[in-house]
């Protein structure tokens, strides 16, 4: 069995400038490709971000750091909109023929000592795959040492990837890789090259993008790891066939 992990980033499944928007067309086209690959024997674990569903809600209630009881309404509402988004993606992909099996991340993950902690055996996820479904998790608000914390899709990718060692892992966004200031894709990125890239290309590696790069770099220790555009089906297909994509950024561990 050849297993692949694919993260549908928030910008790939929603327009972050429009609350509660959903890019159904991009998700459907990706699903059509994955169905073809699924029929050849490739297997998948999907993870998706919160995009314009969870981020505005989490920001409004300050869920980046849990502080008091009043935020519990925010925990509930954020969980609710994430479940709605998960169901939208499930329906889109299932209707094109991909048997999605959604898992609520908050039911199987906690944050312990500042790190994701899986409450079930990884083999349970493999058993689901062997039964013919595609497990799908998502960034969520989960119980933690600080009562509640946000676990990102990138955190889940790194944790599951290090445990399951898939053939490749792909982070999908709305851009074809990490770009330099000329708009060109940086084909390969290592920890050592980030300083160089920052000084020569002035790429934006702050905030969320920096965290994503750090997760991808760490994940590259265990599996081939790429960042691609969700609409670049040719590049995604090449990765699934053990070929290097013409676009995308590949992360290499030092």
Protein backbone atom coordinates (compact mmCIF):
# COMPACT_ATOMS: atom_id res chain seq x y z
CA UNK A 1 0.00 0.00 0.00
CA UNK A 2 1.34 3.42 -0.98
CA UNK A 3 0.11 6.02 1.46
CA UNK A 4 0.06 9.78 0.88
CA UNK A 5 -0.84 12.60 3.26
CA UNK A 6 -2.40 15.71 1.78
CA UNK A 7 -3.11 18.95 3.64
CA UNK A 8 -5.79 21.19 2.14
CA UNK A 9 -4.70 24.56 3.45
CA UNK A 10 -7.16 27.26 4.44
CA UNK A 11 -6.33 29.34 1.35
CA UNK A 12 -6.89 26.28 -0.85
CA UNK A 13 -10.41 25.61 0.38
CA UNK A 14 -11.65 29.12 1.18
CA UNK A 15 -11.21 32.78 0.35
CA UNK A 16 -9.74 34.11 3.58
CA UNK A 17 -11.00 37.62 2.77
CA UNK A 18 -14.61 36.38 2.83
CA UNK A 19 -15.90 34.74 6.03
CA UNK A 20 -17.45 31.30 5.57
CA UNK A 21 -16.47 31.09 1.89
CA UNK A 22 -15.78 27.68 0.36
CA UNK A 23 -13.83 26.94 -2.84
CA UNK A 24 -15.90 23.94 -3.87
CA UNK A 25 -14.61 23.98 -7.46
CA UNK A 26 -10.96 23.53 -6.45
CA UNK A 27 -11.84 20.80 -3.95
CA UNK A 28 -13.96 18.95 -6.51
CA UNK A 29 -11.23 19.00 -9.16
CA UNK A 30 -8.69 17.70 -6.66
CA UNK A 31 -11.15 14.99 -5.68
CA UNK A 32 -11.50 13.87 -9.31
CA UNK A 33 -7.73 13.35 -9.49
CA UNK A 34 -7.59 11.52 -6.15
CA UNK A 35 -10.40 9.17 -7.17
CA UNK A 36 -8.38 8.06 -10.20
CA UNK A 37 -5.34 7.48 -8.02
CA UNK A 38 -7.42 5.70 -5.39
CA UNK A 39 -8.61 3.21 -8.02
CA UNK A 40 -4.99 2.33 -8.83
CA UNK A 41 -4.33 1.37 -5.21
CA UNK A 42 -2.94 4.61 -3.76
CA UNK A 43 -4.29 5.46 -0.34
CA UNK A 44 -4.68 8.83 1.37
CA UNK A 45 -5.02 10.63 4.66
CA UNK A 46 -6.43 14.14 4.26
CA UNK A 47 -6.07 17.04 6.66
CA UNK A 48 -7.67 20.43 6.14
CA UNK A 49 -7.26 23.86 7.64
CA UNK A 50 -9.90 26.22 9.01
CA UNK A 51 -9.59 28.99 6.44
CA UNK A 52 -12.27 31.66 6.49
CA UNK A 53 -14.48 29.45 8.68
CA UNK A 54 -12.41 29.07 11.85
CA UNK A 55 -9.91 31.92 11.71
CA UNK A 56 -12.33 34.86 12.13
CA UNK A 57 -14.11 33.05 14.97
CA UNK A 58 -10.89 32.07 16.74
CA UNK A 59 -9.60 35.64 16.38
CA UNK A 60 -12.80 37.19 17.70
CA UNK A 61 -12.68 35.05 20.84
CA UNK A 62 -8.89 35.16 21.27
CA UNK A 63 -8.52 31.39 21.13
CA UNK A 64 -4.82 31.56 20.38
CA UNK A 65 -4.58 31.57 24.19
CA UNK A 66 -7.33 30.31 26.45
CA UNK A 67 -7.85 32.59 29.45
CA UNK A 68 -11.36 32.49 30.90
CA UNK A 69 -14.77 30.86 30.94
CA UNK A 70 -16.32 33.41 28.55
CA UNK A 71 -14.18 31.99 25.76
CA UNK A 72 -16.00 28.66 25.98
CA UNK A 73 -18.67 30.08 23.67
CA UNK A 74 -15.87 30.73 21.18
CA UNK A 75 -14.63 27.17 21.61
CA UNK A 76 -18.11 25.87 20.85
CA UNK A 77 -18.73 28.15 17.85
CA UNK A 78 -15.30 27.49 16.35
CA UNK A 79 -15.81 23.74 16.71
CA UNK A 80 -19.21 24.09 15.06
CA UNK A 81 -18.02 26.01 11.99
CA UNK A 82 -15.07 23.63 11.57
CA UNK A 83 -17.50 20.72 11.59
CA UNK A 84 -19.59 22.49 8.95
CA UNK A 85 -16.51 23.00 6.77
CA UNK A 86 -15.47 19.37 7.25
CA UNK A 87 -18.93 18.22 6.16
CA UNK A 88 -18.82 20.46 3.08
CA UNK A 89 -15.48 18.95 2.03
CA UNK A 90 -16.71 15.44 2.85
CA UNK A 91 -19.79 15.87 0.66
CA UNK A 92 -17.82 17.39 -2.24
CA UNK A 93 -15.24 14.62 -2.28
CA UNK A 94 -17.66 11.78 -1.60
CA UNK A 95 -19.95 12.88 -4.42
CA UNK A 96 -17.07 12.57 -6.92
CA UNK A 97 -16.37 9.05 -5.64
CA UNK A 98 -13.80 9.40 -2.83
CA UNK A 99 -14.97 7.59 0.34
CA UNK A 100 -14.11 10.21 2.96
CA UNK A 101 -14.28 9.19 6.63
CA UNK A 102 -14.18 12.41 8.70
CA UNK A 103 -12.64 12.27 12.16
CA UNK A 104 -13.19 15.08 14.66
CA UNK A 105 -9.68 16.05 15.67
CA UNK A 106 -10.77 17.25 19.11
CA UNK A 107 -11.96 13.72 19.90
CA UNK A 108 -8.63 12.03 19.18
CA UNK A 109 -6.01 14.72 19.94
CA UNK A 110 -5.06 16.81 22.95
CA UNK A 111 -2.20 19.24 23.50
CA UNK A 112 0.11 17.93 26.22
CA UNK A 113 3.27 19.76 27.31
CA UNK A 114 2.74 22.08 24.36
CA UNK A 115 2.75 19.27 21.77
CA UNK A 116 0.05 17.30 19.93
CA UNK A 117 -0.76 14.01 21.63
CA UNK A 118 -2.74 11.36 19.75
CA UNK A 119 -5.25 9.58 22.01
CA UNK A 120 -5.69 6.56 19.74
CA UNK A 121 -3.17 4.14 18.30
CA UNK A 122 -1.93 5.19 14.83
CA UNK A 123 -2.77 1.65 13.73
CA UNK A 124 -6.46 2.54 14.10
CA UNK A 125 -6.07 5.04 11.24
CA UNK A 126 -4.28 2.41 9.15
CA UNK A 127 -7.10 -0.05 9.85
CA UNK A 128 -9.61 2.50 8.53
CA UNK A 129 -7.53 2.88 5.37
CA UNK A 130 -7.36 -0.90 4.96
CA UNK A 131 -11.15 -0.98 5.15
CA UNK A 132 -11.24 1.24 2.08
CA UNK A 133 -12.00 4.72 3.39
CA UNK A 134 -10.02 7.97 3.40
CA UNK A 135 -9.60 9.35 6.94
CA UNK A 136 -9.85 13.14 7.10
CA UNK A 137 -8.85 15.29 10.08
CA UNK A 138 -8.71 19.06 10.47
CA UNK A 139 -7.26 21.85 12.56
CA UNK A 140 -9.42 22.14 15.67
CA UNK A 141 -9.84 23.48 19.18
CA UNK A 142 -8.71 20.69 21.51
CA UNK A 143 -8.31 20.09 25.24
CA UNK A 144 -4.89 21.05 26.53
CA UNK A 145 -2.84 21.76 29.63
CA UNK A 146 -4.20 25.32 29.35
CA UNK A 147 -7.81 24.04 29.18
CA UNK A 148 -8.14 24.54 25.40
CA UNK A 149 -5.70 25.21 22.57
CA UNK A 150 -5.72 25.26 18.79
CA UNK A 151 -4.08 22.38 16.96
CA UNK A 152 -3.30 23.32 13.36
CA UNK A 153 -3.49 21.11 10.32
CA UNK A 154 0.27 21.53 9.98
CA UNK A 155 0.72 20.13 13.51
CA UNK A 156 -1.38 17.11 12.56
CA UNK A 157 0.58 16.56 9.34
CA UNK A 158 3.87 16.52 11.24
CA UNK A 159 2.63 14.28 14.04
CA UNK A 160 0.93 11.68 11.81
CA UNK A 161 3.67 11.86 9.19
CA UNK A 162 6.37 11.08 11.73
CA UNK A 163 4.35 8.09 12.95
CA UNK A 164 3.07 6.66 9.66
CA UNK A 165 5.93 7.57 7.25
CA UNK A 166 3.85 8.06 4.07
CA UNK A 167 5.38 7.87 0.59
CA UNK A 168 4.96 11.64 0.28
CA UNK A 169 3.23 14.53 2.00
CA UNK A 170 1.78 17.50 0.14
CA UNK A 171 0.74 20.87 1.55
CA UNK A 172 -1.79 22.46 -0.82
CA UNK A 173 -2.37 26.23 -0.91
CA UNK A 174 -3.56 28.79 -3.46
CA UNK A 175 0.00 29.44 -4.74
CA UNK A 176 2.40 27.07 -6.56
CA UNK A 177 5.00 26.84 -3.80
CA UNK A 178 7.13 29.23 -1.77
CA UNK A 179 7.69 32.26 -3.99
CA UNK A 180 10.53 34.74 -4.23
CA UNK A 181 9.88 38.46 -4.73
CA UNK A 182 9.84 37.97 -8.51
CA UNK A 183 6.96 35.55 -8.14
CA UNK A 184 9.09 32.55 -9.09
CA UNK A 185 8.78 29.25 -7.27
CA UNK A 186 11.73 28.29 -5.07
CA UNK A 187 12.16 24.66 -6.13
CA UNK A 188 13.99 23.37 -3.04
CA UNK A 189 14.25 24.67 0.48
CA UNK A 190 16.35 23.45 3.41
CA UNK A 191 16.78 24.79 6.92
CA UNK A 192 20.23 26.02 5.99
CA UNK A 193 18.94 27.82 2.90
CA UNK A 194 16.19 29.79 4.66
CA UNK A 195 18.64 32.46 5.84
CA UNK A 196 20.01 32.69 2.31
CA UNK A 197 16.53 32.85 0.82
CA UNK A 198 15.53 35.61 3.22
CA UNK A 199 18.54 37.73 2.32
CA UNK A 200 18.60 37.09 -1.42
CA UNK A 201 14.93 36.59 -2.31
CA UNK A 202 13.28 38.37 0.64
CA UNK A 203 10.63 35.69 0.92
CA UNK A 204 8.02 36.24 3.58
CA UNK A 205 8.78 33.61 6.20
CA UNK A 206 7.01 35.29 9.09
CA UNK A 207 3.91 34.35 11.01
CA UNK A 208 1.85 31.45 9.67
CA UNK A 209 4.09 30.82 6.68
CA UNK A 210 7.15 30.48 8.90
CA UNK A 211 5.37 27.92 11.06
CA UNK A 212 4.26 26.00 7.98
CA UNK A 213 7.82 25.95 6.64
CA UNK A 214 9.14 24.75 9.99
CA UNK A 215 6.58 21.93 10.10
CA UNK A 216 7.32 20.95 6.51
CA UNK A 217 11.07 20.97 7.14
CA UNK A 218 10.65 18.68 10.12
CA UNK A 219 8.27 16.42 8.20
CA UNK A 220 10.84 16.10 5.40
CA UNK A 221 12.93 13.98 7.78
CA UNK A 222 10.33 11.22 7.43
CA UNK A 223 8.82 11.59 3.96
CA UNK A 224 9.12 13.48 0.66
CA UNK A 225 7.43 16.79 1.40
CA UNK A 226 6.11 19.45 -0.98
CA UNK A 227 4.08 22.64 -1.07
CA UNK A 228 1.96 23.01 -4.22
CA UNK A 229 -1.11 24.80 -5.53
CA UNK A 230 -4.37 22.88 -5.14
CA UNK A 231 -5.22 23.71 -8.74
CA UNK A 232 -1.92 22.34 -10.13
CA UNK A 233 -3.19 18.82 -10.70
CA UNK A 234 -0.28 17.93 -12.98
CA UNK A 235 2.28 18.57 -10.26
CA UNK A 236 0.22 16.71 -7.66
CA UNK A 237 -0.10 13.75 -10.03
CA UNK A 238 3.66 13.67 -10.61
CA UNK A 239 4.33 13.51 -6.88
CA UNK A 240 1.86 10.62 -6.53
CA UNK A 241 3.83 8.78 -9.24
CA UNK A 242 7.19 9.30 -7.51
CA UNK A 243 8.24 11.99 -9.98
CA UNK A 244 9.44 15.51 -9.28
CA UNK A 245 6.87 18.20 -10.13
CA UNK A 246 7.75 20.95 -12.58
CA UNK A 247 6.43 23.48 -10.08
CA UNK A 248 6.00 23.28 -6.27
CA UNK A 249 8.57 23.70 -3.52
CA UNK A 250 10.22 20.59 -2.12
CA UNK A 251 11.45 20.70 1.47
CA UNK A 252 14.70 18.88 2.18
CA UNK A 253 15.96 17.95 5.61
CA UNK A 254 19.57 18.96 6.28
